[in-house]
Every structure is written in structure tokens, then in C-alpha cells.
């Protein structure tokens, strides 16, 4: 049995016509089209609400949207399952989520990772193929789309709940695949915490854990006879010309006589479509992937890489916390070489900020207060 798992799919202005026409051969190319259709099971993440009327929620970052007509192309990809547990599925509010679910239901496309409340959103999906039961669990990091006890949205990763969900699912299934929508965008390694989370998912029964959302190929590790992939890039998402967005992996999960192995199919973005990577290009993608995967086996490597990455990014966060507008931030970053942010934050202020973020009681209180302020502003406006 062969399962193919792709990452983020978003129909964009550049290829909406191809989705509307269900022209999958043009979107994938002949060779990738053949590989995709040869699989027994096809899974990918739909990272956009399908809705025809805009109703953007209050958030930072873009509010994605794609017309319901693009569902024709999505259906033509013959998905066995679509995951909706991501940070964009609520970008157009409850009406966007409802529209997405209605159109997928109308096309008889199974999906997981969302619900009218937290309980519904956390439900897994069990594939029964040739007498083999494969459990799929999808969850997302906390951004603006997360379901609550009485609020629709995506299934959040909760260390007090999600690990139990995986453990209980394992009791019902032969194999478990976890799709975790999280990790830092445009970073090719896991954070120390993310590695710890993914390994714990394996401890609870997962045979394959894949982190999506980073929009770039990361690395992988074999842990306790299971595989963890930290970032596979996009599937079909023509939004950026960044180097990170140019290459991706489709992950092949094969079950053969009770033996399991994972393989990787490199793909490339070509203008507004994707293609199977071949020859030197394919070799280069995989060599880089395997090199990073070898590097993370070195003791302390993940921690050191993450410290360096954090140091490169901390001033951007501090400028935002300080309320600098776009132009002051650019002047400080490029002309003043971070002078303003350095005089704004002495060691005492940095220690206080660390405590407010790191301490559970402070963080919980700050988040509750921020949500209250946002709701009050919305009510007043």
C-alpha cells in the first residue's frame, strides 16, 4: 500500500483558471500526475477557506481566500483525505469555514482537523485499506484559527490533550500518521521544543510525524523505528519567489507485508505550477535534505542552530513590541544598525520581558488580557 502526503495547497490568482477547469495535468505535469494517481491514498493540507464572499477576521498576517469554483480542481486531485488544521482556515471567519466544509461535503471529499467546537475538531480519521487501519491525526499551533470549547475552528496542539488523542488512536489502528501544522516559517530545522514534541508523539504511537507550515524543505530523523519529517515545503502555493518556496517534497509512506518505509519525491515550483524534480536538480534537493538530516544527529546541533536563528530575529520582535512603525523599524534596522531597539531595552527590561513570556502564570494572564482588549476594541468600533 502506498500513501502520498503533500503539504500546503492554495489556489492563487495565477492558477485559479487551472483549478476551475480541473486541469490537473497542467498543474502537476505529466510525470508527477502519473506518480500522484498511482498512489492508493493521497493526502494534502488545504490552507485556505473556499468561499466567494470576503469576511476577513482580525489578525496579523494575510487573510487568504479562494473561490468555491476551485474545488473542481481540488476534487480532480482525487484526495483520499484533506487536512484543514492550519493557521489560515478561519481567515474568512465562520462563514468561510462553513463554506469550505459544505463544498468539500458536496464533492464527497473527506477532511479532518476542524469542527464546530474543540471536541469535534480533535477527531481523527481512520483509513481502512485492504484490512489495514491507518489513523490520521491533524493539529495546528495556536494562531488565529483555533477551535475552543464552544467556538468553531482548527484542532490545536495541546500537550495535555493531543498526546492522549494519539495514544488512544493507536489502540484502534495498525499505523498512525500525525500531521502537525507548526514550526517557524523559512527555517529548515526543528526548534528544540518542536523536536521534543514530535518525539513524544512517536512515544505515544505515531509511525510518521510530519510538520508542515514552514514553506520550505527541512530535515528528518529516524526515532524509535518511526520517521519524523521537520518541514516538507509546499504542494501547490504560488505566493512567493523566495528560494524557500522553490522546492518541496511529497512524502511516500509505504506498507509492504507489515514492513513500513518512507521515501521522498522532490518537486519544484515552475512559475504558477509544480513539476517533478529530475536529474541534477532532484539530486541537489535530496543531498541538501539528507545533509541537514545527518547534521541534526550531532549532539547540540539543533540547539546551536536555533540559538543563532533566534539571535538573528530577536531585534525584529523587540522593535514590534516597542510599537515602532514600518518606517522607523526600517531606519533602525538598515541605517542605525539596531541602535534604537538597543537603547529601548536594557538588561532589566529584557529580563522582565523574558519573565512575562516564559512564566506560565504571566503568559496566561497576558494572553487573556490581550484577547479582552481586542474584543473591547472590536465592540467599541
Protein backbone atom coordinates (compact mmCIF):
# COMPACT_ATOMS: atom_id res chain seq x y z
CA UNK A 1 0.00 0.00 0.00
CA UNK A 2 1.35 3.41 -0.98
CA UNK A 3 0.30 6.71 0.59
CA UNK A 4 1.41 10.07 -0.79
CA UNK A 5 1.32 13.04 1.58
CA UNK A 6 1.73 16.56 0.19
CA UNK A 7 1.84 19.82 2.11
CA UNK A 8 0.10 23.18 1.67
CA UNK A 9 -2.25 23.78 -1.24
CA UNK A 10 -3.70 27.24 -2.01
CA UNK A 11 -5.24 28.18 -5.37
CA UNK A 12 -3.97 31.67 -6.19
CA UNK A 13 -4.81 34.28 -8.83
CA UNK A 14 -2.07 32.93 -11.09
CA UNK A 15 -3.58 29.44 -11.36
CA UNK A 16 -7.26 29.79 -10.39
CA UNK A 17 -8.26 29.13 -14.01
CA UNK A 18 -6.44 25.80 -13.94
CA UNK A 19 -8.27 24.81 -10.76
CA UNK A 20 -11.59 25.98 -12.20
CA UNK A 21 -11.01 23.84 -15.28
CA UNK A 22 -9.73 20.93 -13.16
CA UNK A 23 -6.64 20.94 -15.37
CA UNK A 24 -4.51 18.86 -13.04
CA UNK A 25 -2.13 17.68 -15.75
CA UNK A 26 -1.02 21.27 -16.30
CA UNK A 27 -0.76 21.92 -12.56
CA UNK A 28 1.37 18.83 -11.93
CA UNK A 29 2.94 17.96 -15.27
CA UNK A 30 2.70 14.53 -16.91
CA UNK A 31 5.29 12.72 -14.78
CA UNK A 32 4.11 13.97 -11.40
CA UNK A 33 0.50 13.48 -12.47
CA UNK A 34 1.24 9.82 -13.15
CA UNK A 35 3.02 9.32 -9.81
CA UNK A 36 0.26 11.10 -7.90
CA UNK A 37 -2.50 8.98 -9.44
CA UNK A 38 -0.62 5.72 -8.92
CA UNK A 39 -0.92 6.00 -5.12
CA UNK A 40 -3.54 4.13 -3.11
CA UNK A 41 -4.04 7.11 -0.78
CA UNK A 42 -3.48 10.84 -1.41
CA UNK A 43 -3.45 13.42 1.41
CA UNK A 44 -2.68 17.15 1.48
CA UNK A 45 -3.32 20.27 3.54
CA UNK A 46 -5.84 22.81 2.22
CA UNK A 47 -4.54 26.05 3.70
CA UNK A 48 -7.28 28.40 2.57
CA UNK A 49 -11.02 28.78 3.07
CA UNK A 50 -13.08 28.19 -0.08
CA UNK A 51 -15.65 30.97 -0.06
CA UNK A 52 -16.96 33.57 -2.52
CA UNK A 53 -17.58 36.45 -0.14
CA UNK A 54 -14.84 38.13 1.88
CA UNK A 55 -15.27 38.45 5.62
CA UNK A 56 -11.72 38.71 6.96
CA UNK A 57 -11.12 38.15 10.66
CA UNK A 58 -8.94 40.46 12.76
CA UNK A 59 -5.42 39.06 12.73
CA UNK A 60 -1.84 39.85 11.84
CA UNK A 61 -0.65 38.39 8.56
CA UNK A 62 -2.60 37.79 5.33
CA UNK A 63 -6.24 36.70 5.18
CA UNK A 64 -6.25 34.03 2.48
CA UNK A 65 -9.29 33.24 0.34
CA UNK A 66 -10.05 31.12 -2.74
CA UNK A 67 -13.33 30.89 -4.67
CA UNK A 68 -15.52 27.82 -4.29
CA UNK A 69 -15.13 27.15 -8.01
CA UNK A 70 -11.55 25.95 -7.38
CA UNK A 71 -12.99 22.91 -5.61
CA UNK A 72 -13.31 21.36 -9.08
CA UNK A 73 -9.53 21.16 -9.33
CA UNK A 74 -9.17 20.04 -5.75
CA UNK A 75 -11.61 17.18 -6.43
CA UNK A 76 -9.68 16.30 -9.60
CA UNK A 77 -6.58 15.70 -7.46
CA UNK A 78 -8.54 12.72 -6.08
CA UNK A 79 -7.75 13.33 -2.42
CA UNK A 80 -8.40 10.45 -0.05
CA UNK A 81 -8.27 12.97 2.78
CA UNK A 82 -7.73 16.72 3.20
CA UNK A 83 -6.44 18.27 6.40
CA UNK A 84 -7.79 21.66 7.49
CA UNK A 85 -5.94 22.09 10.81
CA UNK A 86 -3.85 25.11 9.89
CA UNK A 87 -3.40 28.81 10.63
CA UNK A 88 -5.49 30.09 7.68
CA UNK A 89 -8.68 28.02 7.62
CA UNK A 90 -10.57 30.66 9.66
CA UNK A 91 -9.20 33.65 7.71
CA UNK A 92 -12.70 34.47 6.45
CA UNK A 93 -14.46 33.72 9.72
CA UNK A 94 -17.09 31.10 10.48
CA UNK A 95 -18.79 31.69 7.13
CA UNK A 96 -15.52 30.82 5.38
CA UNK A 97 -15.11 27.63 7.38
CA UNK A 98 -18.74 26.62 6.80
CA UNK A 99 -18.46 27.30 3.08
CA UNK A 100 -15.31 25.17 2.87
CA UNK A 101 -16.90 22.27 4.68
CA UNK A 102 -20.07 22.48 2.57
CA UNK A 103 -18.20 22.44 -0.73
CA UNK A 104 -15.96 19.55 0.36
CA UNK A 105 -19.01 17.61 1.53
CA UNK A 106 -20.76 18.26 -1.77
CA UNK A 107 -17.79 16.71 -3.59
CA UNK A 108 -17.59 13.81 -1.10
CA UNK A 109 -14.06 14.79 -0.06
CA UNK A 110 -13.21 13.63 3.48
CA UNK A 111 -11.45 16.14 5.75
CA UNK A 112 -10.22 16.41 9.33
CA UNK A 113 -8.79 18.95 11.73
CA UNK A 114 -11.74 21.34 12.14
CA UNK A 115 -15.10 21.33 13.87
CA UNK A 116 -17.87 23.38 15.46
CA UNK A 117 -16.07 23.05 18.78
CA UNK A 118 -12.88 21.70 20.29
CA UNK A 119 -14.20 18.16 20.69
CA UNK A 120 -15.28 17.87 17.05
CA UNK A 121 -12.07 19.47 15.74
CA UNK A 122 -9.91 16.92 17.56
CA UNK A 123 -11.49 13.86 15.92
CA UNK A 124 -9.05 11.76 13.87
CA UNK A 125 -9.72 9.92 10.62
CA UNK A 126 -9.24 6.19 10.14
CA UNK A 127 -8.47 4.82 6.69
CA UNK A 128 -9.29 1.14 6.20
CA UNK A 129 -7.29 -0.11 3.25
CA UNK A 130 -7.09 -3.82 2.49
CA UNK A 131 -7.80 -4.64 6.11
CA UNK A 132 -5.13 -2.29 7.42
CA UNK A 133 -6.29 0.54 9.66
CA UNK A 134 -4.32 3.77 9.36
CA UNK A 135 -5.15 6.56 11.78
CA UNK A 136 -4.58 10.17 10.73
CA UNK A 137 -4.39 12.92 13.34
CA UNK A 138 -4.07 16.60 12.40
CA UNK A 139 -3.40 19.55 14.69
CA UNK A 140 -2.04 23.09 14.48
CA UNK A 141 -0.11 25.54 16.60
CA UNK A 142 -2.06 28.36 18.22
CA UNK A 143 -2.59 31.32 15.93
CA UNK A 144 -5.93 32.90 14.97
CA UNK A 145 -7.88 29.85 13.79
CA UNK A 146 -8.02 27.59 16.83
CA UNK A 147 -11.25 25.98 18.00
CA UNK A 148 -12.43 26.44 21.57
CA UNK A 149 -14.91 24.60 23.81
CA UNK A 150 -17.85 26.37 22.15
CA UNK A 151 -16.20 28.01 19.13
CA UNK A 152 -15.52 26.60 15.63
CA UNK A 153 -12.01 26.32 14.29
CA UNK A 154 -8.95 24.14 13.85
CA UNK A 155 -7.72 21.46 16.21
CA UNK A 156 -4.95 22.92 18.40
CA UNK A 157 -1.91 21.04 19.56
CA UNK A 158 -2.32 20.75 23.32
CA UNK A 159 0.35 18.75 25.17
CA UNK A 160 -2.25 17.87 27.82
CA UNK A 161 -4.74 16.52 25.27
CA UNK A 162 -3.22 15.84 21.84
CA UNK A 163 -0.75 13.21 23.06
CA UNK A 164 -3.64 11.31 24.65
CA UNK A 165 -5.56 11.58 21.36
CA UNK A 166 -2.64 9.90 19.57
CA UNK A 167 -2.26 7.25 22.26
CA UNK A 168 -5.96 6.35 22.14
CA UNK A 169 -5.99 6.32 18.33
CA UNK A 170 -3.12 3.84 18.32
CA UNK A 171 -5.30 1.36 20.22
CA UNK A 172 -7.69 1.29 17.24
CA UNK A 173 -5.19 1.30 14.36
CA UNK A 174 -2.24 -0.56 12.92
CA UNK A 175 -0.38 2.63 11.92
CA UNK A 176 -0.59 6.28 12.92
CA UNK A 177 0.32 9.37 10.88
CA UNK A 178 0.40 12.77 12.60
CA UNK A 179 0.28 15.99 10.57
CA UNK A 180 1.42 18.88 12.75
CA UNK A 181 0.95 22.36 11.30
CA UNK A 182 3.68 24.35 13.02
CA UNK A 183 7.32 25.30 13.24
CA UNK A 184 8.96 28.54 12.20
CA UNK A 185 8.42 29.68 8.63
CA UNK A 186 11.54 29.63 6.42
CA UNK A 187 13.62 27.71 8.95
CA UNK A 188 14.95 24.32 7.91
CA UNK A 189 15.46 22.76 11.35
CA UNK A 190 13.17 22.00 14.28
CA UNK A 191 13.37 24.04 17.43
CA UNK A 192 14.48 22.01 20.47
CA UNK A 193 10.89 22.14 21.75
CA UNK A 194 9.40 21.01 18.42
CA UNK A 195 11.77 18.04 18.30
CA UNK A 196 10.72 17.13 21.84
CA UNK A 197 7.02 17.34 20.89
CA UNK A 198 7.42 15.21 17.76
CA UNK A 199 9.43 12.58 19.57
CA UNK A 200 6.77 12.40 22.27
CA UNK A 201 4.18 11.82 19.53
CA UNK A 202 6.22 8.82 18.43
CA UNK A 203 6.40 7.62 22.05
CA UNK A 204 2.58 7.72 22.08
CA UNK A 205 2.27 5.59 18.96
CA UNK A 206 2.92 7.62 15.79
CA UNK A 207 4.73 5.84 12.96
CA UNK A 208 5.16 9.00 10.91
CA UNK A 209 5.10 12.61 12.09
CA UNK A 210 5.22 15.44 9.54
CA UNK A 211 5.46 19.10 10.43
CA UNK A 212 4.04 21.41 7.76
CA UNK A 213 3.68 25.23 7.64
CA UNK A 214 7.37 26.17 7.28
CA UNK A 215 7.08 26.62 3.46
CA UNK A 216 10.49 25.00 2.99
CA UNK A 217 12.14 21.61 3.00
CA UNK A 218 13.70 20.87 6.36
CA UNK A 219 15.20 17.60 7.55
CA UNK A 220 14.16 14.27 9.03
CA UNK A 221 15.17 11.82 11.71
CA UNK A 222 14.53 8.16 12.47
CA UNK A 223 13.37 7.83 16.05
CA UNK A 224 12.36 4.53 17.68
CA UNK A 225 11.60 2.85 14.32
CA UNK A 226 9.44 5.82 13.27
CA UNK A 227 10.13 8.78 10.99
CA UNK A 228 9.80 12.47 11.81
CA UNK A 229 9.93 14.98 8.96
CA UNK A 230 10.57 18.57 10.02
CA UNK A 231 9.22 20.56 7.07
CA UNK A 232 8.35 19.38 3.57
CA UNK A 233 7.70 22.68 1.79
CA UNK A 234 4.50 23.46 -0.12
CA UNK A 235 2.39 21.46 -2.52
CA UNK A 236 0.72 23.97 -4.86
CA UNK A 237 1.04 27.50 -3.49
CA UNK A 238 2.21 30.25 -5.87
CA UNK A 239 2.70 33.17 -3.50
CA UNK A 240 6.42 33.88 -3.13
CA UNK A 241 9.59 33.90 -5.21
CA UNK A 242 11.69 33.21 -2.13
CA UNK A 243 14.25 30.43 -2.51
CA UNK A 244 12.43 28.53 0.24
CA UNK A 245 9.29 28.24 -1.89
CA UNK A 246 11.01 26.84 -4.98
CA UNK A 247 11.42 23.23 -3.85
CA UNK A 248 9.29 20.80 -1.86
CA UNK A 249 8.84 17.14 -1.02
CA UNK A 250 5.95 14.77 -1.39
CA UNK A 251 6.31 12.06 1.24
CA UNK A 252 5.70 8.46 0.28
CA UNK A 253 4.61 6.15 3.10
CA UNK A 254 4.70 2.50 2.03
CA UNK A 255 3.33 -0.51 3.90
CA UNK A 256 4.58 -3.80 2.49
CA UNK A 257 3.89 -7.07 4.33
CA UNK A 258 3.91 -5.36 7.73
CA UNK A 259 7.12 -3.54 6.83
CA UNK A 260 7.00 0.25 6.65
CA UNK A 261 9.34 2.63 4.89
CA UNK A 262 9.32 6.30 3.95
CA UNK A 263 10.63 7.79 0.73
CA UNK A 264 10.77 11.33 -0.65
CA UNK A 265 9.69 12.71 -4.02
CA UNK A 266 11.29 16.10 -4.75
CA UNK A 267 9.23 18.65 -6.65
CA UNK A 268 9.91 22.17 -7.89
CA UNK A 269 7.83 25.25 -8.39
CA UNK A 270 7.77 26.38 -12.01
CA UNK A 271 6.02 29.73 -12.44
CA UNK A 272 2.44 29.09 -11.28
CA UNK A 273 2.59 25.26 -11.32
CA UNK A 274 4.77 22.44 -9.97
CA UNK A 275 6.86 19.74 -11.59
CA UNK A 276 8.68 16.57 -10.64
CA UNK A 277 12.33 17.40 -9.98
CA UNK A 278 14.68 15.34 -12.13
CA UNK A 279 18.36 14.69 -12.70
CA UNK A 280 20.83 17.06 -11.07
CA UNK A 281 18.04 19.18 -9.62
CA UNK A 282 16.49 16.22 -7.83
CA UNK A 283 19.89 15.07 -6.60
CA UNK A 284 20.72 18.53 -5.25
CA UNK A 285 17.41 18.79 -3.35
CA UNK A 286 17.80 15.39 -1.75
CA UNK A 287 21.50 15.82 -0.95
CA UNK A 288 20.77 19.02 0.97
CA UNK A 289 17.87 17.34 2.75
CA UNK A 290 19.99 14.34 3.75
CA UNK A 291 22.90 16.54 4.82
CA UNK A 292 20.72 18.56 7.19
CA UNK A 293 19.23 15.31 8.48
CA UNK A 294 22.71 13.99 9.22
CA UNK A 295 23.69 17.26 10.91
CA UNK A 296 20.87 17.12 13.45
CA UNK A 297 22.23 13.80 14.74
CA UNK A 298 25.21 15.70 16.19
CA UNK A 299 24.77 16.42 19.88
CA UNK A 300 23.85 20.06 20.46
CA UNK A 301 23.48 20.88 16.75
CA UNK A 302 19.75 21.69 16.86
CA UNK A 303 20.21 23.86 19.95
CA UNK A 304 23.12 25.79 18.44
CA UNK A 305 21.34 26.38 15.12
CA UNK A 306 18.27 27.62 16.94
CA UNK A 307 20.26 29.99 19.16
CA UNK A 308 21.84 31.53 16.05
CA UNK A 309 18.46 31.81 14.33
CA UNK A 310 16.95 33.43 17.42
CA UNK A 311 19.75 36.00 17.62
CA UNK A 312 19.13 36.98 14.01
CA UNK A 313 15.43 37.54 14.67
CA UNK A 314 15.12 38.92 18.20
CA UNK A 315 15.57 42.59 17.26
CA UNK A 316 12.65 42.35 14.83
CA UNK A 317 10.42 41.14 17.66
CA UNK A 318 11.67 43.81 20.04
CA UNK A 319 11.02 46.56 17.50
CA UNK A 320 7.47 45.32 17.11
CA UNK A 321 6.93 45.07 20.86
CA UNK A 322 8.14 48.68 21.10
CA UNK A 323 5.46 49.91 18.73
CA UNK A 324 7.88 51.08 16.03
CA UNK A 325 6.06 51.67 12.78
CA UNK A 326 7.27 50.25 9.48
CA UNK A 327 9.47 53.20 8.57
CA UNK A 328 11.10 53.64 11.98
CA UNK A 329 11.78 49.89 12.02
CA UNK A 330 13.47 50.06 8.63
CA UNK A 331 15.53 53.09 9.59
CA UNK A 332 16.63 51.39 12.81
CA UNK A 333 17.44 48.12 11.07
CA UNK A 334 19.23 49.33 7.96
CA UNK A 335 20.60 52.79 8.81
CA UNK A 336 21.03 52.80 12.58
CA UNK A 337 22.03 49.13 12.85
CA UNK A 338 19.57 48.39 15.70
CA UNK A 339 20.62 51.42 17.76
CA UNK A 340 17.05 52.42 18.74
CA UNK A 341 15.99 48.98 19.87
CA UNK A 342 19.20 48.57 21.91
CA UNK A 343 18.67 51.79 23.87
CA UNK A 344 14.99 50.92 24.31
CA UNK A 345 15.75 47.62 26.04
CA UNK A 346 18.35 47.48 28.78
CA UNK A 347 19.09 44.23 30.59
CA UNK A 348 16.46 44.85 33.26
CA UNK A 349 13.71 45.31 30.67
CA UNK A 350 14.83 42.24 28.76
CA UNK A 351 14.70 40.14 31.93
CA UNK A 352 11.17 41.40 32.67
CA UNK A 353 10.05 40.62 29.13
CA UNK A 354 11.58 37.15 29.37
CA UNK A 355 9.72 36.51 32.62
CA UNK A 356 6.36 37.65 31.21
CA UNK A 357 6.71 35.29 28.25
CA UNK A 358 8.38 32.33 29.93
CA UNK A 359 6.43 32.14 33.19
CA UNK A 360 3.18 30.23 32.69
CA UNK A 361 1.15 32.41 35.07
CA UNK A 362 2.30 35.68 33.47
CA UNK A 363 1.87 34.37 29.91
CA UNK A 364 -1.64 33.08 30.56
CA UNK A 365 -2.65 36.38 32.15
CA UNK A 366 -1.12 38.49 29.36
CA UNK A 367 -2.90 36.45 26.68
CA UNK A 368 -6.24 36.67 28.46
CA UNK A 369 -5.79 40.43 28.87
CA UNK A 370 -4.81 40.94 25.22
CA UNK A 371 -7.84 38.99 24.00
CA UNK A 372 -10.05 41.06 26.27
CA UNK A 373 -8.61 44.33 24.94
CA UNK A 374 -9.05 43.19 21.35
CA UNK A 375 -12.65 42.18 21.97
CA UNK A 376 -13.38 45.50 23.71
CA UNK A 377 -11.91 47.48 20.80
CA UNK A 378 -13.95 45.45 18.34
CA UNK A 379 -17.14 46.09 20.32
CA UNK A 380 -16.43 49.84 20.52
CA UNK A 381 -15.68 50.13 16.81
